[in-house]
Amino acid sequence: MVLLPDSRTEPDGSALLRVLSYNVRSLRDDTEALARVITACAPDLVLVQEAPRFFRWRKKLARLAAASGQVILSGGGTAAGPAILCTLRATVERTEDVLLPLTPGQHRRGFATAVVRFGGARLGVLSCHLSLRRDERYEQAGLLLDRLAGLGVQHAVAGGDLNERPGGRAFGRLAEGLQDCWATASWGGEHTWTRTGPHRRIDAIFASKGVEVLGCGVPLGHPGVTETDLRAATDHLPVLAALRVPAS
């Protein structure tokens, strides 16, 4: 397979980044396999869904971050599950955990957000896990777009478990305002659910219009990423994107 380019900062200050989105199912599976997958993808940012939320959740998330060469940037229990990890390459301007309106009888949902800099590039970042209910999911997609706009940055990336295929209303709402990175520059595998016999794309990475998408997809066949680890790590397959972010 064609390899995605490595991360780097260009002479003009623009940044080439790798972004990984991954539903880790509260670390209930093989965390060593999970750490190996993340490490092999060499991401600058990891958009996590279903991070641990309860007893000693910070310690559990910190262990995963350390095992995969990352640090915790934002989210986790304070965002109802979404989290963002990053490498020390990132310069952090600010972070915010956002809890979304609660529908009675449904799980609490939230966003993990941050503004970071890589070289001369400034980037808004958001990790999400949208509702299982179609109407609520559509509203949350609108809140996601509003939150990205409220970060006050020119360039942004968002990703997560949408609980919906590309033909759905919420997915379409996001794809109208942002680039669906897989549709823009497909690479690797497409389907993320389930880990055995995947047949649906319900996890995605989106980027604002000014970001150049160099490739995006499930890292099947990527060096160091084995089918055994992908099946053992969690119940979703990850999405990896390579992006070029212009200098701000």
C-alpha atoms as a PDB file:
ATOM      1  CA  MET A   1       0.000   0.000   0.000  1.00  0.00           C
ATOM      2  CA  VAL A   2       1.043   3.629  -0.495  1.00  0.00           C
ATOM      3  CA  LEU A   3       2.284   5.018   2.813  1.00  0.00           C
ATOM      4  CA  LEU A   4       0.987   8.251   4.278  1.00  0.00           C
ATOM      5  CA  PRO A   5       3.644  10.953   4.613  1.00  0.00           C
ATOM      6  CA  ASP A   6       5.417  11.416   7.920  1.00  0.00           C
ATOM      7  CA  SER A   7       4.675  14.374  10.166  1.00  0.00           C
ATOM      8  CA  ARG A   8       6.825  17.440   9.680  1.00  0.00           C
ATOM      9  CA  THR A   9       6.862  21.229   9.692  1.00  0.00           C
ATOM     10  CA  GLU A  10       7.505  22.867   6.320  1.00  0.00           C
ATOM     11  CA  PRO A  11       9.825  25.852   5.789  1.00  0.00           C
ATOM     12  CA  ASP A  12       6.800  28.115   5.244  1.00  0.00           C
ATOM     13  CA  GLY A  13       5.456  27.209   8.711  1.00  0.00           C
ATOM     14  CA  SER A  14       2.712  24.875   7.489  1.00  0.00           C
ATOM     15  CA  ALA A  15       2.415  21.535   9.263  1.00  0.00           C
ATOM     16  CA  LEU A  16       1.900  18.025   7.979  1.00  0.00           C
ATOM     17  CA  LEU A  17      -0.010  16.134  10.656  1.00  0.00           C
ATOM     18  CA  ARG A  18      -1.326  12.656  11.279  1.00  0.00           C
ATOM     19  CA  VAL A  19      -4.692  12.472  13.047  1.00  0.00           C
ATOM     20  CA  LEU A  20      -6.153   9.218  14.376  1.00  0.00           C
ATOM     21  CA  SER A  21      -9.768   8.715  15.473  1.00  0.00           C
ATOM     22  CA  TYR A  22     -10.455   5.629  17.599  1.00  0.00           C
ATOM     23  CA  ASN A  23     -13.324   4.281  19.701  1.00  0.00           C
ATOM     24  CA  VAL A  24     -11.493   2.418  22.494  1.00  0.00           C
ATOM     25  CA  ARG A  25     -14.558   0.894  24.251  1.00  0.00           C
ATOM     26  CA  SER A  26     -13.547   2.098  27.727  1.00  0.00           C
ATOM     27  CA  LEU A  27     -10.312   0.064  27.490  1.00  0.00           C
ATOM     28  CA  ARG A  28     -12.234  -3.156  28.089  1.00  0.00           C
ATOM     29  CA  ASP A  29     -10.273  -5.147  25.525  1.00  0.00           C
ATOM     30  CA  ASP A  30      -6.528  -5.707  24.913  1.00  0.00           C
ATOM     31  CA  THR A  31      -4.933  -2.381  25.855  1.00  0.00           C
ATOM     32  CA  GLU A  32      -1.463  -3.547  24.810  1.00  0.00           C
ATOM     33  CA  ALA A  33      -2.752  -4.283  21.309  1.00  0.00           C
ATOM     34  CA  LEU A  34      -4.521  -0.908  21.316  1.00  0.00           C
ATOM     35  CA  ALA A  35      -1.292   0.892  22.263  1.00  0.00           C
ATOM     36  CA  ARG A  36       0.605  -0.945  19.512  1.00  0.00           C
ATOM     37  CA  VAL A  37      -1.924   0.157  16.885  1.00  0.00           C
ATOM     38  CA  ILE A  38      -1.768   3.784  18.017  1.00  0.00           C
ATOM     39  CA  THR A  39       2.031   3.754  18.173  1.00  0.00           C
ATOM     40  CA  ALA A  40       2.370   2.239  14.702  1.00  0.00           C
ATOM     41  CA  CYS A  41       0.137   4.956  13.217  1.00  0.00           C
ATOM     42  CA  ALA A  42       2.465   7.645  14.676  1.00  0.00           C
ATOM     43  CA  PRO A  43      -0.295  10.238  15.146  1.00  0.00           C
ATOM     44  CA  ASP A  44       0.217  13.816  16.275  1.00  0.00           C
ATOM     45  CA  LEU A  45      -3.376  13.862  17.581  1.00  0.00           C
ATOM     46  CA  VAL A  46      -5.605  11.000  18.727  1.00  0.00           C
ATOM     47  CA  LEU A  47      -9.346  11.666  18.851  1.00  0.00           C
ATOM     48  CA  VAL A  48     -10.618   9.110  21.358  1.00  0.00           C
ATOM     49  CA  GLN A  49     -14.199   7.971  21.909  1.00  0.00           C
ATOM     50  CA  GLU A  50     -15.448   5.916  24.853  1.00  0.00           C
ATOM     51  CA  ALA A  51     -12.457   6.807  27.008  1.00  0.00           C
ATOM     52  CA  PRO A  52     -12.841   5.569  30.606  1.00  0.00           C
ATOM     53  CA  ARG A  53     -15.336   7.763  32.490  1.00  0.00           C
ATOM     54  CA  PHE A  54     -15.628   6.354  35.978  1.00  0.00           C
ATOM     55  CA  PHE A  55     -13.377   4.929  38.714  1.00  0.00           C
ATOM     56  CA  ARG A  56      -9.766   6.128  38.215  1.00  0.00           C
ATOM     57  CA  TRP A  57     -10.489   7.114  34.637  1.00  0.00           C
ATOM     58  CA  ARG A  58      -7.642   9.635  34.468  1.00  0.00           C
ATOM     59  CA  LYS A  59      -5.101   7.013  35.518  1.00  0.00           C
ATOM     60  CA  LYS A  60      -6.374   4.524  32.944  1.00  0.00           C
ATOM     61  CA  LEU A  61      -6.320   7.079  30.129  1.00  0.00           C
ATOM     62  CA  ALA A  62      -2.867   8.289  31.175  1.00  0.00           C
ATOM     63  CA  ARG A  63      -1.544   4.730  30.989  1.00  0.00           C
ATOM     64  CA  LEU A  64      -2.818   4.351  27.436  1.00  0.00           C
ATOM     65  CA  ALA A  65      -1.315   7.696  26.466  1.00  0.00           C
ATOM     66  CA  ALA A  66       2.081   6.818  27.953  1.00  0.00           C
ATOM     67  CA  ALA A  67       2.087   3.373  26.335  1.00  0.00           C
ATOM     68  CA  SER A  68       1.474   4.903  22.899  1.00  0.00           C
ATOM     69  CA  GLY A  69       3.809   7.911  23.076  1.00  0.00           C
ATOM     70  CA  GLN A  70       1.091  10.458  23.811  1.00  0.00           C
ATOM     71  CA  VAL A  71      -0.083  12.760  26.588  1.00  0.00           C
ATOM     72  CA  ILE A  72      -3.649  13.683  27.576  1.00  0.00           C
ATOM     73  CA  LEU A  73      -4.736  16.953  26.012  1.00  0.00           C
ATOM     74  CA  SER A  74      -8.400  17.123  27.033  1.00  0.00           C
ATOM     75  CA  GLY A  75     -11.564  15.164  27.702  1.00  0.00           C
ATOM     76  CA  GLY A  76     -12.266  11.774  29.221  1.00  0.00           C
ATOM     77  CA  GLY A  77     -14.741  11.581  32.087  1.00  0.00           C
ATOM     78  CA  THR A  78     -15.226  15.353  32.075  1.00  0.00           C
ATOM     79  CA  ALA A  79     -16.458  15.223  28.453  1.00  0.00           C
ATOM     80  CA  ALA A  80     -18.574  12.072  28.946  1.00  0.00           C
ATOM     81  CA  GLY A  81     -16.183   9.902  26.961  1.00  0.00           C
ATOM     82  CA  PRO A  82     -14.513  11.803  24.093  1.00  0.00           C
ATOM     83  CA  ALA A  83     -10.869  12.698  24.689  1.00  0.00           C
ATOM     84  CA  ILE A  84      -7.899  14.082  22.787  1.00  0.00           C
ATOM     85  CA  LEU A  85      -4.339  12.809  23.099  1.00  0.00           C
ATOM     86  CA  CYS A  86      -1.340  14.484  21.497  1.00  0.00           C
ATOM     87  CA  THR A  87       2.418  14.250  21.172  1.00  0.00           C
ATOM     88  CA  LEU A  88       4.786  16.759  22.734  1.00  0.00           C
ATOM     89  CA  ARG A  89       5.141  18.279  19.268  1.00  0.00           C
ATOM     90  CA  ALA A  90       1.912  20.182  19.925  1.00  0.00           C
ATOM     91  CA  THR A  91       1.906  23.590  21.591  1.00  0.00           C
ATOM     92  CA  VAL A  92      -1.364  23.885  23.488  1.00  0.00           C
ATOM     93  CA  GLU A  93      -3.196  27.201  23.562  1.00  0.00           C
ATOM     94  CA  ARG A  94      -6.346  26.110  25.380  1.00  0.00           C
ATOM     95  CA  THR A  95      -8.706  23.206  25.979  1.00  0.00           C
ATOM     96  CA  GLU A  96     -12.383  22.869  26.883  1.00  0.00           C
ATOM     97  CA  ASP A  97     -14.604  19.918  27.736  1.00  0.00           C
ATOM     98  CA  VAL A  98     -18.221  20.419  26.669  1.00  0.00           C
ATOM     99  CA  LEU A  99     -21.260  18.498  27.944  1.00  0.00           C
ATOM    100  CA  LEU A 100     -24.206  18.406  25.546  1.00  0.00           C
ATOM    101  CA  PRO A 101     -27.891  18.654  26.529  1.00  0.00           C
ATOM    102  CA  LEU A 102     -29.057  15.431  28.136  1.00  0.00           C
ATOM    103  CA  THR A 103     -32.049  13.602  26.708  1.00  0.00           C
ATOM    104  CA  PRO A 104     -33.820  11.650  29.490  1.00  0.00           C
ATOM    105  CA  GLY A 105     -33.096   7.954  29.208  1.00  0.00           C
ATOM    106  CA  GLN A 106     -30.100   8.463  26.920  1.00  0.00           C
ATOM    107  CA  HIS A 107     -26.360   8.499  27.603  1.00  0.00           C
ATOM    108  CA  ARG A 108     -24.726  11.831  28.380  1.00  0.00           C
ATOM    109  CA  ARG A 109     -22.713  13.061  25.382  1.00  0.00           C
ATOM    110  CA  GLY A 110     -19.963  15.636  25.091  1.00  0.00           C
ATOM    111  CA  PHE A 111     -17.119  17.101  23.062  1.00  0.00           C
ATOM    112  CA  ALA A 112     -13.427  17.257  23.898  1.00  0.00           C
ATOM    113  CA  THR A 113     -11.944  20.364  22.257  1.00  0.00           C
ATOM    114  CA  ALA A 114      -8.624  22.159  22.012  1.00  0.00           C
ATOM    115  CA  VAL A 115      -6.685  24.773  20.080  1.00  0.00           C
ATOM    116  CA  VAL A 116      -3.111  23.738  19.321  1.00  0.00           C
ATOM    117  CA  ARG A 117      -0.172  24.881  17.224  1.00  0.00           C
ATOM    118  CA  PHE A 118       2.287  22.862  15.183  1.00  0.00           C
ATOM    119  CA  GLY A 119       5.016  25.087  13.811  1.00  0.00           C
ATOM    120  CA  GLY A 120       3.240  28.061  12.265  1.00  0.00           C
ATOM    121  CA  ALA A 121      -0.052  26.195  11.889  1.00  0.00           C
ATOM    122  CA  ARG A 122      -2.880  26.835  14.349  1.00  0.00           C
ATOM    123  CA  LEU A 123      -5.615  24.227  14.558  1.00  0.00           C
ATOM    124  CA  GLY A 124      -8.923  23.702  16.342  1.00  0.00           C
ATOM    125  CA  VAL A 125      -9.529  20.077  17.347  1.00  0.00           C
ATOM    126  CA  LEU A 126     -12.712  18.264  18.427  1.00  0.00           C
ATOM    127  CA  SER A 127     -13.467  14.656  19.361  1.00  0.00           C
ATOM    128  CA  CYS A 128     -17.081  13.463  19.448  1.00  0.00           C
ATOM    129  CA  HIS A 129     -19.333  10.436  19.927  1.00  0.00           C
ATOM    130  CA  LEU A 130     -22.803  11.176  18.628  1.00  0.00           C
ATOM    131  CA  SER A 131     -26.107   9.796  19.863  1.00  0.00           C
ATOM    132  CA  LEU A 132     -27.730   6.513  18.870  1.00  0.00           C
ATOM    133  CA  ARG A 133     -30.989   8.460  18.295  1.00  0.00           C
ATOM    134  CA  ARG A 134     -31.345   9.945  14.820  1.00  0.00           C
ATOM    135  CA  ASP A 135     -32.992  13.240  15.816  1.00  0.00           C
ATOM    136  CA  GLU A 136     -30.589  13.877  18.686  1.00  0.00           C
ATOM    137  CA  ARG A 137     -27.629  12.966  16.472  1.00  0.00           C
ATOM    138  CA  TYR A 138     -28.671  15.566  13.901  1.00  0.00           C
ATOM    139  CA  GLU A 139     -28.885  18.271  16.564  1.00  0.00           C
ATOM    140  CA  GLN A 140     -25.487  17.277  17.947  1.00  0.00           C
ATOM    141  CA  ALA A 141     -23.970  17.598  14.466  1.00  0.00           C
ATOM    142  CA  GLY A 142     -25.182  21.199  14.403  1.00  0.00           C
ATOM    143  CA  LEU A 143     -23.739  21.818  17.864  1.00  0.00           C
ATOM    144  CA  LEU A 144     -20.425  20.387  16.659  1.00  0.00           C
ATOM    145  CA  LEU A 145     -20.263  22.845  13.765  1.00  0.00           C
ATOM    146  CA  ASP A 146     -21.180  25.703  16.095  1.00  0.00           C
ATOM    147  CA  ARG A 147     -18.477  24.664  18.572  1.00  0.00           C
ATOM    148  CA  LEU A 148     -15.804  24.540  15.851  1.00  0.00           C
ATOM    149  CA  ALA A 149     -16.834  28.000  14.655  1.00  0.00           C
ATOM    150  CA  GLY A 150     -16.664  29.233  18.240  1.00  0.00           C
ATOM    151  CA  LEU A 151     -13.036  28.162  18.600  1.00  0.00           C
ATOM    152  CA  GLY A 152     -12.096  31.226  16.568  1.00  0.00           C
ATOM    153  CA  VAL A 153      -9.523  29.508  14.339  1.00  0.00           C
ATOM    154  CA  GLN A 154      -9.217  29.382  10.572  1.00  0.00           C
ATOM    155  CA  HIS A 155      -8.434  25.664  10.376  1.00  0.00           C
ATOM    156  CA  ALA A 156      -9.998  22.787  12.278  1.00  0.00           C
ATOM    157  CA  VAL A 157     -10.283  19.013  12.423  1.00  0.00           C
ATOM    158  CA  ALA A 158     -13.056  16.969  14.021  1.00  0.00           C
ATOM    159  CA  GLY A 159     -13.553  13.250  14.264  1.00  0.00           C
ATOM    160  CA  GLY A 160     -15.244  10.466  16.068  1.00  0.00           C
ATOM    161  CA  ASP A 161     -17.873   7.772  16.208  1.00  0.00           C
ATOM    162  CA  LEU A 162     -20.920   9.214  14.461  1.00  0.00           C
ATOM    163  CA  ASN A 163     -23.160   6.156  14.927  1.00  0.00           C
ATOM    164  CA  GLU A 164     -24.307   6.817  11.373  1.00  0.00           C
ATOM    165  CA  ARG A 165     -23.330   6.017   7.798  1.00  0.00           C
ATOM    166  CA  PRO A 166     -22.496   8.702   5.213  1.00  0.00           C
ATOM    167  CA  GLY A 167     -26.060   8.698   3.861  1.00  0.00           C
ATOM    168  CA  GLY A 168     -27.484   9.839   7.209  1.00  0.00           C
ATOM    169  CA  ARG A 169     -28.696  13.354   8.000  1.00  0.00           C
ATOM    170  CA  ALA A 170     -26.143  14.069  10.729  1.00  0.00           C
ATOM    171  CA  PHE A 171     -23.244  12.785   8.632  1.00  0.00           C
ATOM    172  CA  GLY A 172     -24.489  14.850   5.709  1.00  0.00           C
ATOM    173  CA  ARG A 173     -24.781  17.950   7.869  1.00  0.00           C
ATOM    174  CA  LEU A 174     -21.140  17.648   8.863  1.00  0.00           C
ATOM    175  CA  ALA A 175     -20.024  16.904   5.301  1.00  0.00           C
ATOM    176  CA  GLU A 176     -21.759  20.061   4.054  1.00  0.00           C
ATOM    177  CA  GLY A 177     -19.754  22.305   6.377  1.00  0.00           C
ATOM    178  CA  LEU A 178     -16.499  20.337   6.401  1.00  0.00           C
ATOM    179  CA  GLN A 179     -14.485  17.988   4.237  1.00  0.00           C
ATOM    180  CA  ASP A 180     -15.212  14.302   4.802  1.00  0.00           C
ATOM    181  CA  CYS A 181     -11.562  13.229   4.680  1.00  0.00           C
ATOM    182  CA  TRP A 182     -12.257   9.706   3.388  1.00  0.00           C
ATOM    183  CA  ALA A 183     -14.404  11.058   0.531  1.00  0.00           C
ATOM    184  CA  THR A 184     -11.771  13.698  -0.256  1.00  0.00           C
ATOM    185  CA  ALA A 185      -8.706  11.417  -0.371  1.00  0.00           C
ATOM    186  CA  SER A 186      -9.481   7.769   0.322  1.00  0.00           C
ATOM    187  CA  TRP A 187      -6.631   5.573   1.523  1.00  0.00           C
ATOM    188  CA  GLY A 188      -6.480   2.218   3.275  1.00  0.00           C
ATOM    189  CA  GLY A 189      -9.786   0.638   4.280  1.00  0.00           C
ATOM    190  CA  GLU A 190     -13.218   2.269   4.369  1.00  0.00           C
ATOM    191  CA  HIS A 191     -15.413   0.441   6.878  1.00  0.00           C
ATOM    192  CA  THR A 192     -14.906   0.797  10.624  1.00  0.00           C
ATOM    193  CA  TRP A 193     -17.662  -1.357  12.132  1.00  0.00           C
ATOM    194  CA  THR A 194     -17.275  -4.032  13.258  1.00  0.00           C
ATOM    195  CA  ARG A 195     -13.712  -5.186  13.830  1.00  0.00           C
ATOM    196  CA  THR A 196     -14.613  -8.585  12.341  1.00  0.00           C
ATOM    197  CA  GLY A 197     -16.176  -8.370   8.911  1.00  0.00           C
ATOM    198  CA  PRO A 198     -16.445  -4.553   8.835  1.00  0.00           C
ATOM    199  CA  HIS A 199     -19.298  -3.389   6.622  1.00  0.00           C
ATOM    200  CA  ARG A 200     -20.189   0.129   7.804  1.00  0.00           C
ATOM    201  CA  ARG A 201     -18.353   3.452   7.899  1.00  0.00           C
ATOM    202  CA  ILE A 202     -19.650   5.074  11.077  1.00  0.00           C
ATOM    203  CA  ASP A 203     -16.346   6.615  12.254  1.00  0.00           C
ATOM    204  CA  ALA A 204     -14.910   9.576  10.361  1.00  0.00           C
ATOM    205  CA  ILE A 205     -12.489  12.485  10.350  1.00  0.00           C
ATOM    206  CA  PHE A 206     -13.555  15.873   8.991  1.00  0.00           C
ATOM    207  CA  ALA A 207     -11.410  18.913   8.199  1.00  0.00           C
ATOM    208  CA  SER A 208     -12.197  22.540   7.424  1.00  0.00           C
ATOM    209  CA  LYS A 209     -12.041  23.638   3.808  1.00  0.00           C
ATOM    210  CA  GLY A 210      -8.569  25.172   3.944  1.00  0.00           C
ATOM    211  CA  VAL A 211      -6.867  21.992   5.155  1.00  0.00           C
ATOM    212  CA  GLU A 212      -5.340  19.753   2.482  1.00  0.00           C
ATOM    213  CA  VAL A 213      -6.282  16.096   2.947  1.00  0.00           C
ATOM    214  CA  LEU A 214      -3.444  13.841   1.767  1.00  0.00           C
ATOM    215  CA  GLY A 215      -5.075  10.536   2.655  1.00  0.00           C
ATOM    216  CA  CYS A 216      -7.599   9.063   5.083  1.00  0.00           C
ATOM    217  CA  GLY A 217      -8.898   5.618   5.971  1.00  0.00           C
ATOM    218  CA  VAL A 218      -8.554   2.538   8.137  1.00  0.00           C
ATOM    219  CA  PRO A 219      -4.810   1.730   8.387  1.00  0.00           C
ATOM    220  CA  LEU A 220      -5.118  -1.833   7.094  1.00  0.00           C
ATOM    221  CA  GLY A 221      -1.675  -3.000   5.981  1.00  0.00           C
ATOM    222  CA  HIS A 222       0.057   0.013   7.493  1.00  0.00           C
ATOM    223  CA  PRO A 223       3.522  -0.969   8.798  1.00  0.00           C
ATOM    224  CA  GLY A 224       3.232  -2.219  12.376  1.00  0.00           C
ATOM    225  CA  VAL A 225      -0.576  -2.464  12.303  1.00  0.00           C
ATOM    226  CA  THR A 226      -1.591  -6.119  12.325  1.00  0.00           C
ATOM    227  CA  GLU A 227      -5.020  -7.647  11.811  1.00  0.00           C
ATOM    228  CA  THR A 228      -4.550  -9.523  15.089  1.00  0.00           C
ATOM    229  CA  ASP A 229      -4.038  -6.289  17.027  1.00  0.00           C
ATOM    230  CA  LEU A 230      -6.929  -4.534  15.285  1.00  0.00           C
ATOM    231  CA  ARG A 231      -9.293  -7.329  16.276  1.00  0.00           C
ATOM    232  CA  ALA A 232      -8.011  -7.513  19.855  1.00  0.00           C
ATOM    233  CA  ALA A 233      -7.790  -3.775  20.615  1.00  0.00           C
ATOM    234  CA  THR A 234     -11.468  -2.717  20.609  1.00  0.00           C
ATOM    235  CA  ASP A 235     -14.733  -3.249  18.704  1.00  0.00           C
ATOM    236  CA  HIS A 236     -14.153  -0.452  16.149  1.00  0.00           C
ATOM    237  CA  LEU A 237     -11.437  -0.005  13.557  1.00  0.00           C
ATOM    238  CA  PRO A 238      -9.494   3.287  13.668  1.00  0.00           C
ATOM    239  CA  VAL A 239      -9.393   6.038  11.064  1.00  0.00           C
ATOM    240  CA  LEU A 240      -6.046   7.671  10.213  1.00  0.00           C
ATOM    241  CA  ALA A 241      -5.677  10.882   8.210  1.00  0.00           C
ATOM    242  CA  ALA A 242      -2.681  12.811   6.933  1.00  0.00           C
ATOM    243  CA  LEU A 243      -3.393  16.544   6.696  1.00  0.00           C
ATOM    244  CA  ARG A 244      -1.440  19.592   5.612  1.00  0.00           C
ATOM    245  CA  VAL A 245      -2.458  22.616   7.693  1.00  0.00           C
ATOM    246  CA  PRO A 246      -1.428  26.019   6.320  1.00  0.00           C
ATOM    247  CA  ALA A 247       0.490  28.438   8.486  1.00  0.00           C
ATOM    248  CA  SER A 248      -1.817  30.865  10.240  1.00  0.00           C
END
